[in-house]
Amino acid sequence: MAPDPGRVRLRFASRAVLGIGLAVVLCGLAGHSLVAAITGGLAALLALFTVTDATVRGQAVTTALLPAVGLPVLALAAGLHDLPLARDLAFLAVVGAGVYARRWGPRGHSLGVFAFMTYFAAQFLHTVPDQLPELYAAVLLSLAASSAVRFGLWRYERRLPVPAPVAVPTGGPGLARITTRQAVQATMGAAFALAAGQALSDQRWYWAVGATWWVFVNTTSRGETLVRGFRRFLGTVIGIVLGLLVAVPLHGAPTATAVIVAVSVFGIFYTAAVSYTWMMLAVTVMASMLYGLLGLLDPALLALRVTETAVGALGAVLAVLLVLPVTTHSVTEAWVERALRCVHTCTAEAAARLAGSPTADPAARVAELEQILARVRLSLAPLVHPLTPMRARKARARHVLALLDDCAREVRGLASVAADPEASHDARLAAACWRVEAAVEALTAEPAGARRGRTETSVVPRATETEPVLLHLHALEQALLELAVPLSGSQRVPARV
């Protein structure tokens, strides 16, 4: 039921099934083993899922760099297969480096995830050095196949605006930098998960480390991490139940397994942007099917998976609470301010488009605003969660989200009007845009007390004009002015851009 403007998620998921399916088929035609085909399919999945550079050229460069990171890590994991202590220390180093790489933006994030998952896959498949030549060939072939789909057969970016991925707030140098703090947290959490996971199972301990890692991906504050850990565990439990109902009775039947894995891949890509619980459900079902294909699936293994996931989530929770914590409030302020600035930019782009500028593109800015609002929702998730005991903060957070959604709705309407070639610019439009700019400046540059005083004396003129563009602008201005009330509730000065 979540909105899918331009059917971007549908295209994203459909393209993933096509790209990964092509990669696996080619591995089979090349005579690769089942283990190599699974490794190649995972490489294709990661290339299509994690590479999010702003431009097609940037995406191509990042994809080309994936083997430069993944293949040496695969060799390292295979070489340390029979050396448990060195293997574990290397895994923790990969975890820390992978999270730290987020400081270099989307490309660093993609390479960090690929490095971690390559090491993880080597543990999942018990990779040894003799398998490396075949696995290397499978990875390279699969990346080539998925790239052919992404950059050749299905380049839907030609028709849809692709916003630049929103960078994580940095927070400052050294340990004040959020990515540095998270790298330390993730390493400590993974160390706990590794030790506890091995106490539970000396064969499947890596699921605990994987749970810790994925809880940290795309989170910033301790509140976000706590909620993500809960959602991961919930999705895994539901996925295990489905695995018992679907995967176990099939006993690894190839055709049925291939169909359900394809459906799971679609589910991973289609739900990732809107529900982490649903995404983890799809991941768990896919993993269950792969275990069945490898002849390793049984109910006891699925139960162990739940326990290992709980241990990994606990490791992440302990790390964010005890090691260099990043508060939810500071992160939320930064994301809300980015959203407000983007609202202003969208309005300015729409006004320029209506004035006849051929380079103004409000649609691209609207897509960027949707991304930022997704991060606002993620950062406020701990405050609006049903189990949150702080009722006043929950109500204020919900009010902020509702008003920001109102802003996004009016901006989308404004952009659609600006796309009409018959729409025109007049003095009332310019005045309304100036008032929107003033409202954003009041929210992002004034102390809380001054902002409240300004709000109490500001009145938006009743929108008597019939032109859609002016109606959208008046509604947008009203929502911005109303935002001052919940944003002033914290009695804190908002972070400056």
Protein backbone atom coordinates (compact mmCIF):
# COMPACT_ATOMS: atom_id res chain seq x y z
CA MET A 1 0.00 0.00 0.00
CA ALA A 2 3.02 2.30 0.20
CA PRO A 3 3.10 4.90 -2.62
CA ASP A 4 5.40 4.15 -5.56
CA PRO A 5 5.75 7.38 -7.60
CA GLY A 6 6.66 6.58 -11.18
CA ARG A 7 6.60 2.88 -10.22
CA VAL A 8 10.29 3.19 -9.38
CA ARG A 9 10.22 0.37 -6.82
CA LEU A 10 8.37 -1.90 -9.22
CA ARG A 11 10.95 -1.28 -11.94
CA PHE A 12 13.79 -1.61 -9.45
CA ALA A 13 12.54 -5.02 -8.28
CA SER A 14 11.67 -6.30 -11.76
CA ARG A 15 15.06 -5.33 -13.12
CA ALA A 16 16.75 -7.08 -10.18
CA VAL A 17 14.96 -10.35 -10.89
CA LEU A 18 15.95 -10.12 -14.56
CA GLY A 19 19.59 -9.23 -13.83
CA ILE A 20 20.14 -11.82 -11.11
CA GLY A 21 18.27 -14.48 -13.05
CA LEU A 22 20.41 -13.85 -16.12
CA ALA A 23 23.58 -14.06 -14.00
CA VAL A 24 22.61 -17.41 -12.48
CA VAL A 25 21.54 -18.85 -15.84
CA LEU A 26 24.84 -17.84 -17.42
CA CYS A 27 26.76 -19.43 -14.55
CA GLY A 28 24.83 -22.63 -15.17
CA LEU A 29 25.49 -22.54 -18.90
CA ALA A 30 29.18 -21.97 -18.20
CA GLY A 31 29.26 -25.23 -16.24
CA HIS A 32 29.82 -23.68 -12.81
CA SER A 33 28.92 -25.60 -9.67
CA LEU A 34 25.92 -24.76 -7.48
CA VAL A 35 28.19 -23.02 -4.97
CA ALA A 36 29.67 -20.83 -7.72
CA ALA A 37 26.20 -20.04 -9.10
CA ILE A 38 25.04 -18.94 -5.63
CA THR A 39 28.16 -16.78 -5.21
CA GLY A 40 27.60 -15.19 -8.62
CA GLY A 41 23.92 -14.58 -7.91
CA LEU A 42 24.82 -12.87 -4.63
CA ALA A 43 27.36 -10.65 -6.43
CA ALA A 44 24.71 -9.64 -8.97
CA LEU A 45 22.20 -8.95 -6.18
CA LEU A 46 24.64 -6.72 -4.32
CA ALA A 47 25.63 -4.84 -7.48
CA LEU A 48 22.00 -4.07 -8.28
CA PHE A 49 20.98 -3.36 -4.67
CA THR A 50 23.82 -1.34 -3.16
CA VAL A 51 25.21 0.73 -6.05
CA THR A 52 23.31 4.03 -5.74
CA ASP A 53 25.55 6.72 -7.22
CA ALA A 54 23.75 9.81 -8.50
CA THR A 55 24.67 9.31 -12.16
CA VAL A 56 24.74 6.34 -14.50
CA ARG A 57 28.44 6.97 -15.06
CA GLY A 58 29.09 6.92 -11.32
CA GLN A 59 27.12 3.70 -10.97
CA ALA A 60 29.18 2.09 -13.74
CA VAL A 61 32.45 3.12 -12.06
CA THR A 62 31.36 1.76 -8.68
CA THR A 63 30.20 -1.50 -10.24
CA ALA A 64 33.56 -1.86 -11.99
CA LEU A 65 35.32 -1.40 -8.64
CA LEU A 66 33.36 -4.14 -6.87
CA PRO A 67 35.68 -7.00 -7.98
CA ALA A 68 38.72 -5.00 -6.86
CA VAL A 69 37.31 -5.15 -3.33
CA GLY A 70 35.41 -8.43 -3.37
CA LEU A 71 37.92 -10.80 -4.93
CA PRO A 72 40.80 -10.09 -2.50
CA VAL A 73 38.37 -10.38 0.43
CA LEU A 74 37.15 -13.71 -0.95
CA ALA A 75 40.75 -14.93 -1.21
CA LEU A 76 41.42 -13.77 2.35
CA ALA A 77 38.38 -15.61 3.70
CA ALA A 78 39.25 -18.80 1.82
CA GLY A 79 42.88 -18.68 2.90
CA LEU A 80 41.92 -18.32 6.57
CA HIS A 81 39.27 -21.03 6.45
CA ASP A 82 41.26 -23.42 8.66
CA LEU A 83 42.66 -20.72 10.98
CA PRO A 84 39.71 -19.76 13.24
CA LEU A 85 41.40 -17.01 15.26
CA ALA A 86 42.89 -15.25 12.23
CA ARG A 87 39.60 -15.74 10.34
CA ASP A 88 37.62 -14.09 13.13
CA LEU A 89 39.99 -11.14 13.51
CA ALA A 90 39.95 -10.57 9.75
CA PHE A 91 36.14 -10.64 9.76
CA LEU A 92 36.03 -7.96 12.46
CA ALA A 93 38.49 -5.86 10.47
CA VAL A 94 36.27 -6.15 7.38
CA VAL A 95 33.25 -5.10 9.48
CA GLY A 96 35.00 -1.98 10.80
CA ALA A 97 36.44 -0.99 7.44
CA GLY A 98 33.11 -1.57 5.70
CA VAL A 99 31.23 0.76 8.03
CA TYR A 100 34.01 3.35 8.06
CA ALA A 101 33.91 3.47 4.24
CA ARG A 102 30.50 5.18 4.49
CA ARG A 103 32.34 8.46 5.02
CA TRP A 104 33.12 8.45 1.27
CA GLY A 105 29.47 8.53 0.32
CA PRO A 106 27.46 6.08 -1.78
CA ARG A 107 30.53 4.55 -3.44
CA GLY A 108 32.23 3.85 -0.13
CA HIS A 109 29.01 2.40 1.23
CA SER A 110 28.61 0.07 -1.78
CA LEU A 111 32.20 -1.17 -1.63
CA GLY A 112 31.99 -1.69 2.13
CA VAL A 113 28.81 -3.76 1.85
CA PHE A 114 30.27 -5.81 -1.01
CA ALA A 115 33.43 -6.55 0.97
CA PHE A 116 31.47 -7.65 4.03
CA MET A 117 29.01 -9.81 2.10
CA THR A 118 31.83 -11.47 0.16
CA TYR A 119 33.49 -12.50 3.42
CA PHE A 120 30.10 -13.55 4.81
CA ALA A 121 29.33 -15.67 1.73
CA ALA A 122 32.69 -17.44 2.10
CA GLN A 123 31.62 -18.52 5.61
CA PHE A 124 28.12 -19.47 4.40
CA LEU A 125 29.53 -21.66 1.60
CA HIS A 126 32.67 -22.85 3.50
CA THR A 127 34.92 -21.60 0.71
CA VAL A 128 38.42 -23.07 0.43
CA PRO A 129 41.33 -21.91 -1.78
CA ASP A 130 40.83 -24.63 -4.42
CA GLN A 131 37.43 -23.10 -5.27
CA LEU A 132 38.73 -19.58 -5.89
CA PRO A 133 39.30 -19.76 -9.69
CA GLU A 134 35.73 -20.94 -10.30
CA LEU A 135 34.26 -18.43 -7.85
CA TYR A 136 36.23 -15.57 -9.41
CA ALA A 137 34.90 -16.52 -12.85
CA ALA A 138 31.34 -16.73 -11.51
CA VAL A 139 31.55 -13.32 -9.80
CA LEU A 140 32.97 -11.59 -12.89
CA LEU A 141 30.44 -13.25 -15.19
CA SER A 142 27.54 -12.34 -12.90
CA LEU A 143 28.64 -8.72 -12.54
CA ALA A 144 28.91 -8.49 -16.33
CA ALA A 145 25.41 -9.97 -16.73
CA SER A 146 23.78 -7.70 -14.15
CA SER A 147 25.59 -4.69 -15.63
CA ALA A 148 24.32 -5.59 -19.11
CA VAL A 149 20.78 -5.46 -17.75
CA ARG A 150 21.31 -2.32 -15.67
CA PHE A 151 23.20 -0.24 -18.18
CA GLY A 152 21.95 -1.75 -21.42
CA LEU A 153 18.68 -3.65 -21.48
CA TRP A 154 16.83 -1.71 -18.77
CA ARG A 155 18.15 1.80 -18.19
CA TYR A 156 14.95 3.25 -16.78
CA GLU A 157 16.98 6.19 -15.44
CA ARG A 158 16.66 7.67 -18.93
CA ARG A 159 13.00 8.33 -18.27
CA LEU A 160 12.84 8.84 -14.54
CA PRO A 161 14.67 11.41 -12.39
CA VAL A 162 17.29 9.74 -10.20
CA PRO A 163 18.04 11.82 -7.10
CA ALA A 164 21.48 11.93 -5.60
CA PRO A 165 21.66 9.57 -2.60
CA VAL A 166 21.35 11.53 0.62
CA ALA A 167 24.63 11.60 2.51
CA VAL A 168 24.72 10.71 6.19
CA PRO A 169 25.38 13.72 8.48
CA THR A 170 29.08 13.75 9.31
CA GLY A 171 29.06 15.29 12.77
CA GLY A 172 32.67 16.54 12.77
CA PRO A 173 36.28 15.24 12.71
CA GLY A 174 37.77 12.28 14.56
CA LEU A 175 35.48 10.46 16.94
CA ALA A 176 32.93 13.25 16.50
CA ARG A 177 32.38 11.98 12.95
CA ILE A 178 29.35 9.70 12.90
CA THR A 179 30.84 7.18 10.48
CA THR A 180 33.92 6.78 12.69
CA ARG A 181 31.78 6.24 15.78
CA GLN A 182 29.66 3.72 13.91
CA ALA A 183 32.71 1.83 12.69
CA VAL A 184 33.82 1.41 16.31
CA GLN A 185 30.30 0.47 17.39
CA ALA A 186 29.87 -2.07 14.60
CA THR A 187 33.23 -3.70 15.35
CA MET A 188 32.43 -4.00 19.06
CA GLY A 189 28.92 -5.28 18.35
CA ALA A 190 30.24 -7.79 15.81
CA ALA A 191 32.85 -9.02 18.31
CA PHE A 192 30.12 -9.72 20.83
CA ALA A 193 27.96 -11.39 18.17
CA LEU A 194 30.87 -13.50 16.94
CA ALA A 195 31.72 -14.79 20.41
CA ALA A 196 28.11 -15.47 21.36
CA GLY A 197 27.33 -16.93 17.95
CA GLN A 198 30.20 -19.40 18.17
CA ALA A 199 29.03 -20.42 21.64
CA LEU A 200 25.70 -21.35 20.02
CA SER A 201 27.13 -23.02 16.92
CA ASP A 202 30.65 -23.51 15.62
CA GLN A 203 29.24 -23.95 12.09
CA ARG A 204 26.57 -21.18 11.68
CA TRP A 205 27.98 -18.48 13.94
CA TYR A 206 28.31 -16.03 11.04
CA TRP A 207 24.55 -15.36 11.03
CA ALA A 208 24.99 -13.45 14.29
CA VAL A 209 27.71 -11.25 12.79
CA GLY A 210 25.58 -10.71 9.70
CA ALA A 211 22.63 -9.61 11.86
CA THR A 212 24.81 -7.05 13.65
CA TRP A 213 26.17 -5.72 10.36
CA TRP A 214 22.81 -5.25 8.65
CA VAL A 215 21.33 -3.55 11.70
CA PHE A 216 24.00 -0.85 11.31
CA VAL A 217 23.52 -0.36 7.55
CA ASN A 218 21.59 2.87 6.75
CA THR A 219 21.15 3.83 10.41
CA THR A 220 22.77 6.72 12.22
CA SER A 221 21.45 7.20 15.76
CA ARG A 222 21.02 4.76 18.61
CA GLY A 223 17.24 5.05 18.33
CA GLU A 224 17.29 4.08 14.66
CA THR A 225 19.53 1.11 15.42
CA LEU A 226 17.28 -0.12 18.23
CA VAL A 227 14.19 -0.01 16.00
CA ARG A 228 16.04 -1.63 13.11
CA GLY A 229 17.26 -4.44 15.35
CA PHE A 230 13.71 -5.14 16.47
CA ARG A 231 12.40 -5.10 12.89
CA ARG A 232 15.17 -7.39 11.73
CA PHE A 233 14.34 -9.94 14.39
CA LEU A 234 10.61 -9.70 13.64
CA GLY A 235 11.15 -10.15 9.90
CA THR A 236 13.45 -13.09 10.50
CA VAL A 237 10.95 -14.84 12.78
CA ILE A 238 8.11 -14.43 10.27
CA GLY A 239 10.42 -15.54 7.47
CA ILE A 240 11.41 -18.66 9.43
CA VAL A 241 7.74 -19.56 9.86
CA LEU A 242 7.23 -19.22 6.11
CA GLY A 243 10.40 -21.24 5.56
CA LEU A 244 8.99 -24.07 7.64
CA LEU A 245 5.77 -23.98 5.61
CA VAL A 246 7.36 -23.61 2.17
CA ALA A 247 11.05 -24.57 2.06
CA VAL A 248 11.07 -27.67 4.24
CA PRO A 249 8.31 -29.56 2.34
CA LEU A 250 10.00 -28.87 -1.04
CA HIS A 251 13.26 -30.62 -0.03
CA GLY A 252 15.28 -28.48 -2.46
CA ALA A 253 13.20 -29.21 -5.60
CA PRO A 254 15.10 -27.15 -8.23
CA THR A 255 12.21 -25.65 -10.23
CA ALA A 256 10.05 -24.68 -7.25
CA THR A 257 13.11 -23.37 -5.42
CA ALA A 258 14.09 -21.18 -8.37
CA VAL A 259 10.58 -19.70 -8.56
CA ILE A 260 10.39 -18.93 -4.83
CA VAL A 261 13.92 -17.46 -4.81
CA ALA A 262 12.91 -15.19 -7.70
CA VAL A 263 9.82 -14.07 -5.79
CA SER A 264 11.98 -13.48 -2.70
CA VAL A 265 14.44 -11.38 -4.70
CA PHE A 266 11.55 -9.30 -6.01
CA GLY A 267 10.31 -8.87 -2.44
CA ILE A 268 13.73 -7.77 -1.19
CA PHE A 269 14.03 -5.03 -3.79
CA TYR A 270 10.37 -3.97 -3.79
CA THR A 271 10.03 -3.59 0.00
CA ALA A 272 13.52 -2.36 0.96
CA ALA A 273 12.65 1.33 0.71
CA VAL A 274 9.46 1.11 2.77
CA SER A 275 9.69 -1.77 5.26
CA TYR A 276 12.80 -3.37 6.74
CA THR A 277 10.65 -6.08 8.34
CA TRP A 278 9.21 -7.17 4.99
CA MET A 279 12.64 -7.04 3.39
CA MET A 280 14.09 -9.30 6.09
CA LEU A 281 11.17 -11.67 5.69
CA ALA A 282 12.05 -12.02 1.98
CA VAL A 283 15.77 -12.42 2.77
CA THR A 284 15.03 -15.18 5.29
CA VAL A 285 12.77 -17.09 2.90
CA MET A 286 15.44 -16.84 0.19
CA ALA A 287 18.15 -18.12 2.56
CA SER A 288 15.90 -21.00 3.62
CA MET A 289 15.37 -21.99 -0.01
CA LEU A 290 19.12 -21.87 -0.69
CA TYR A 291 19.80 -24.08 2.33
CA GLY A 292 17.25 -26.51 0.94
CA LEU A 293 18.96 -26.45 -2.44
CA LEU A 294 22.26 -27.24 -0.74
CA GLY A 295 20.64 -30.14 1.14
CA LEU A 296 21.20 -28.59 4.56
CA LEU A 297 17.72 -27.44 5.57
CA ASP A 298 15.88 -28.74 8.61
CA PRO A 299 13.71 -27.14 11.33
CA ALA A 300 16.59 -27.14 13.84
CA LEU A 301 18.69 -25.04 11.44
CA LEU A 302 15.88 -22.50 11.08
CA ALA A 303 15.50 -22.31 14.85
CA LEU A 304 19.24 -21.70 15.14
CA ARG A 305 18.92 -18.91 12.59
CA VAL A 306 16.38 -17.14 14.83
CA THR A 307 18.67 -17.45 17.86
CA GLU A 308 21.73 -16.22 15.98
CA THR A 309 19.75 -13.25 14.66
CA ALA A 310 18.62 -12.35 18.18
CA VAL A 311 22.23 -12.51 19.39
CA GLY A 312 23.41 -10.30 16.53
CA ALA A 313 20.66 -7.74 17.13
CA LEU A 314 21.55 -7.73 20.83
CA GLY A 315 25.20 -7.06 19.94
CA ALA A 316 24.18 -4.06 17.86
CA VAL A 317 21.92 -2.73 20.63
CA LEU A 318 24.62 -3.02 23.29
CA ALA A 319 27.14 -1.32 21.02
CA VAL A 320 24.99 1.71 20.23
CA LEU A 321 23.95 2.13 23.86
CA LEU A 322 27.39 1.73 25.45
CA VAL A 323 29.99 2.67 22.80
CA LEU A 324 30.16 6.29 21.61
CA PRO A 325 26.34 6.71 21.37
CA VAL A 326 24.81 9.08 18.79
CA THR A 327 21.58 10.65 20.05
CA THR A 328 18.35 10.44 18.09
CA HIS A 329 17.57 14.13 18.62
CA SER A 330 20.70 15.49 16.97
CA VAL A 331 20.28 13.28 13.91
CA THR A 332 16.58 14.09 13.58
CA GLU A 333 17.26 17.82 13.60
CA ALA A 334 19.72 17.46 10.74
CA TRP A 335 17.33 15.41 8.59
CA VAL A 336 14.34 17.70 9.24
CA GLU A 337 16.39 20.72 8.28
CA ARG A 338 17.52 19.02 5.06
CA ALA A 339 13.90 18.29 4.25
CA LEU A 340 12.93 21.92 4.76
CA ARG A 341 15.80 23.14 2.59
CA CYS A 342 14.77 20.69 -0.11
CA VAL A 343 11.18 21.99 0.05
CA HIS A 344 12.51 25.46 -0.62
CA THR A 345 14.68 24.22 -3.49
CA CYS A 346 11.70 22.40 -5.03
CA THR A 347 9.65 25.57 -4.85
CA ALA A 348 12.40 27.65 -6.45
CA GLU A 349 12.85 25.11 -9.25
CA ALA A 350 9.11 25.07 -9.94
CA ALA A 351 8.99 28.86 -10.03
CA ALA A 352 11.94 28.96 -12.42
CA ARG A 353 10.27 26.38 -14.64
CA LEU A 354 7.08 28.43 -14.74
CA ALA A 355 9.14 31.49 -15.60
CA GLY A 356 10.42 29.70 -18.68
CA SER A 357 13.80 28.33 -17.56
CA PRO A 358 14.69 25.31 -19.72
CA THR A 359 17.16 23.92 -17.14
CA ALA A 360 14.89 23.98 -14.07
CA ASP A 361 13.82 20.47 -13.07
CA PRO A 362 11.45 20.36 -10.06
CA ALA A 363 10.71 16.65 -10.67
CA ALA A 364 14.27 15.68 -9.76
CA ARG A 365 14.07 17.75 -6.59
CA VAL A 366 10.77 16.11 -5.65
CA ALA A 367 12.43 12.70 -5.95
CA GLU A 368 15.24 13.94 -3.71
CA LEU A 369 12.70 15.21 -1.18
CA GLU A 370 11.09 11.76 -1.08
CA GLN A 371 14.48 10.26 -0.21
CA ILE A 372 15.09 12.78 2.55
CA LEU A 373 11.62 12.26 4.00
CA ALA A 374 12.32 8.53 4.12
CA ARG A 375 15.36 9.30 6.27
CA VAL A 376 13.28 11.63 8.45
CA ARG A 377 10.79 8.81 9.03
CA LEU A 378 13.65 6.46 9.85
CA SER A 379 15.18 8.86 12.35
CA LEU A 380 11.80 9.53 14.00
CA ALA A 381 10.83 5.84 14.04
CA PRO A 382 11.99 5.35 17.67
CA LEU A 383 9.72 8.20 18.80
CA VAL A 384 6.59 7.06 16.95
CA HIS A 385 7.01 3.36 17.70
CA PRO A 386 3.96 1.87 19.49
CA LEU A 387 6.14 0.82 22.44
CA THR A 388 7.58 4.32 23.01
CA PRO A 389 6.65 5.45 26.55
CA MET A 390 7.21 9.20 25.89
CA ARG A 391 3.72 10.23 24.77
CA ALA A 392 4.42 13.95 24.39
CA ARG A 393 7.44 13.38 22.16
CA LYS A 394 5.53 10.75 20.19
CA ALA A 395 2.68 13.18 19.50
CA ARG A 396 5.12 15.93 18.50
CA ALA A 397 7.02 13.58 16.17
CA ARG A 398 3.80 12.45 14.52
CA HIS A 399 2.75 16.07 14.04
CA VAL A 400 6.08 16.86 12.38
CA LEU A 401 5.76 13.86 10.04
CA ALA A 402 2.18 14.78 9.11
CA LEU A 403 3.12 18.37 8.26
CA LEU A 404 6.19 17.30 6.28
CA ASP A 405 3.98 14.89 4.34
CA ASP A 406 1.65 17.84 3.66
CA CYS A 407 4.63 19.81 2.35
CA ALA A 408 5.67 16.91 0.10
CA ARG A 409 2.14 16.57 -1.28
CA GLU A 410 1.93 20.27 -2.15
CA VAL A 411 5.42 20.23 -3.68
CA ARG A 412 4.44 17.27 -5.87
CA GLY A 413 1.35 19.16 -6.99
CA LEU A 414 3.43 22.25 -7.67
CA ALA A 415 5.88 20.27 -9.78
CA SER A 416 3.06 18.70 -11.80
CA VAL A 417 1.60 22.15 -12.52
CA ALA A 418 5.04 23.44 -13.51
CA ALA A 419 5.33 20.59 -16.00
CA ASP A 420 2.28 21.94 -17.86
CA PRO A 421 3.60 23.89 -20.87
CA GLU A 422 0.61 26.25 -20.69
CA ALA A 423 1.25 27.30 -17.09
CA SER A 424 2.56 30.83 -16.71
CA HIS A 425 4.37 33.03 -14.23
CA ASP A 426 2.86 36.11 -12.58
CA ALA A 427 3.62 38.49 -9.71
CA ARG A 428 1.45 36.58 -7.22
CA LEU A 429 3.51 33.44 -7.84
CA ALA A 430 6.75 35.30 -7.13
CA ALA A 431 5.35 36.75 -3.91
CA ALA A 432 4.11 33.34 -2.75
CA CYS A 433 7.53 31.79 -3.45
CA TRP A 434 9.21 34.54 -1.43
CA ARG A 435 6.91 33.79 1.52
CA VAL A 436 7.78 30.09 1.28
CA GLU A 437 11.46 31.00 1.35
CA ALA A 438 10.90 33.23 4.39
CA ALA A 439 9.04 30.43 6.18
CA VAL A 440 11.89 27.99 5.59
CA GLU A 441 14.45 30.52 6.78
CA ALA A 442 12.39 31.12 9.94
CA LEU A 443 12.35 27.39 10.68
CA THR A 444 16.03 26.71 10.01
CA ALA A 445 17.86 29.82 11.14
CA GLU A 446 16.08 31.18 14.22
CA PRO A 447 16.27 30.13 17.89
CA ALA A 448 13.23 28.30 19.22
CA GLY A 449 11.88 31.25 21.17
CA ALA A 450 12.16 33.64 18.25
CA ARG A 451 10.62 31.07 15.96
CA ARG A 452 7.62 30.62 18.23
CA GLY A 453 7.04 34.35 18.48
CA ARG A 454 7.17 34.70 14.75
CA THR A 455 4.70 31.87 14.27
CA GLU A 456 2.14 33.36 16.62
CA THR A 457 2.00 36.57 14.58
CA SER A 458 2.21 35.04 11.09
CA VAL A 459 -1.02 34.55 9.18
CA VAL A 460 -1.30 33.06 5.73
CA PRO A 461 -3.77 34.97 3.53
CA ARG A 462 -6.80 32.91 2.59
CA ALA A 463 -6.19 31.28 -0.80
CA THR A 464 -8.93 32.91 -2.89
CA GLU A 465 -7.07 32.42 -6.18
CA THR A 466 -8.27 29.61 -8.39
CA GLU A 467 -4.93 28.91 -10.09
CA PRO A 468 -3.64 25.48 -8.94
CA VAL A 469 -0.06 26.72 -8.56
CA LEU A 470 -1.09 29.43 -6.09
CA LEU A 471 -3.31 27.04 -4.16
CA HIS A 472 -0.36 24.64 -3.76
CA LEU A 473 1.94 27.47 -2.65
CA HIS A 474 -0.51 28.80 -0.08
CA ALA A 475 -1.05 25.31 1.37
CA LEU A 476 2.71 24.78 1.45
CA GLU A 477 3.27 28.07 3.27
CA GLN A 478 0.58 27.20 5.83
CA ALA A 479 2.18 23.81 6.54
CA LEU A 480 5.61 25.39 6.98
CA LEU A 481 4.29 27.96 9.45
CA GLU A 482 2.46 25.28 11.43
CA LEU A 483 5.68 23.26 11.63
CA ALA A 484 7.17 25.90 13.92
CA VAL A 485 4.99 24.71 16.81
CA PRO A 486 6.18 21.07 17.09
CA LEU A 487 9.74 21.98 16.09
CA SER A 488 9.89 24.52 18.92
CA GLY A 489 8.79 21.95 21.48
CA SER A 490 12.34 20.79 22.16
CA GLN A 491 13.40 24.32 23.22
CA ARG A 492 16.61 23.84 21.30
CA VAL A 493 18.28 25.80 18.57
CA PRO A 494 18.14 23.87 15.27
CA ALA A 495 21.41 22.95 13.59
CA ARG A 496 22.51 25.45 10.96
CA VAL A 497 23.25 24.37 7.39
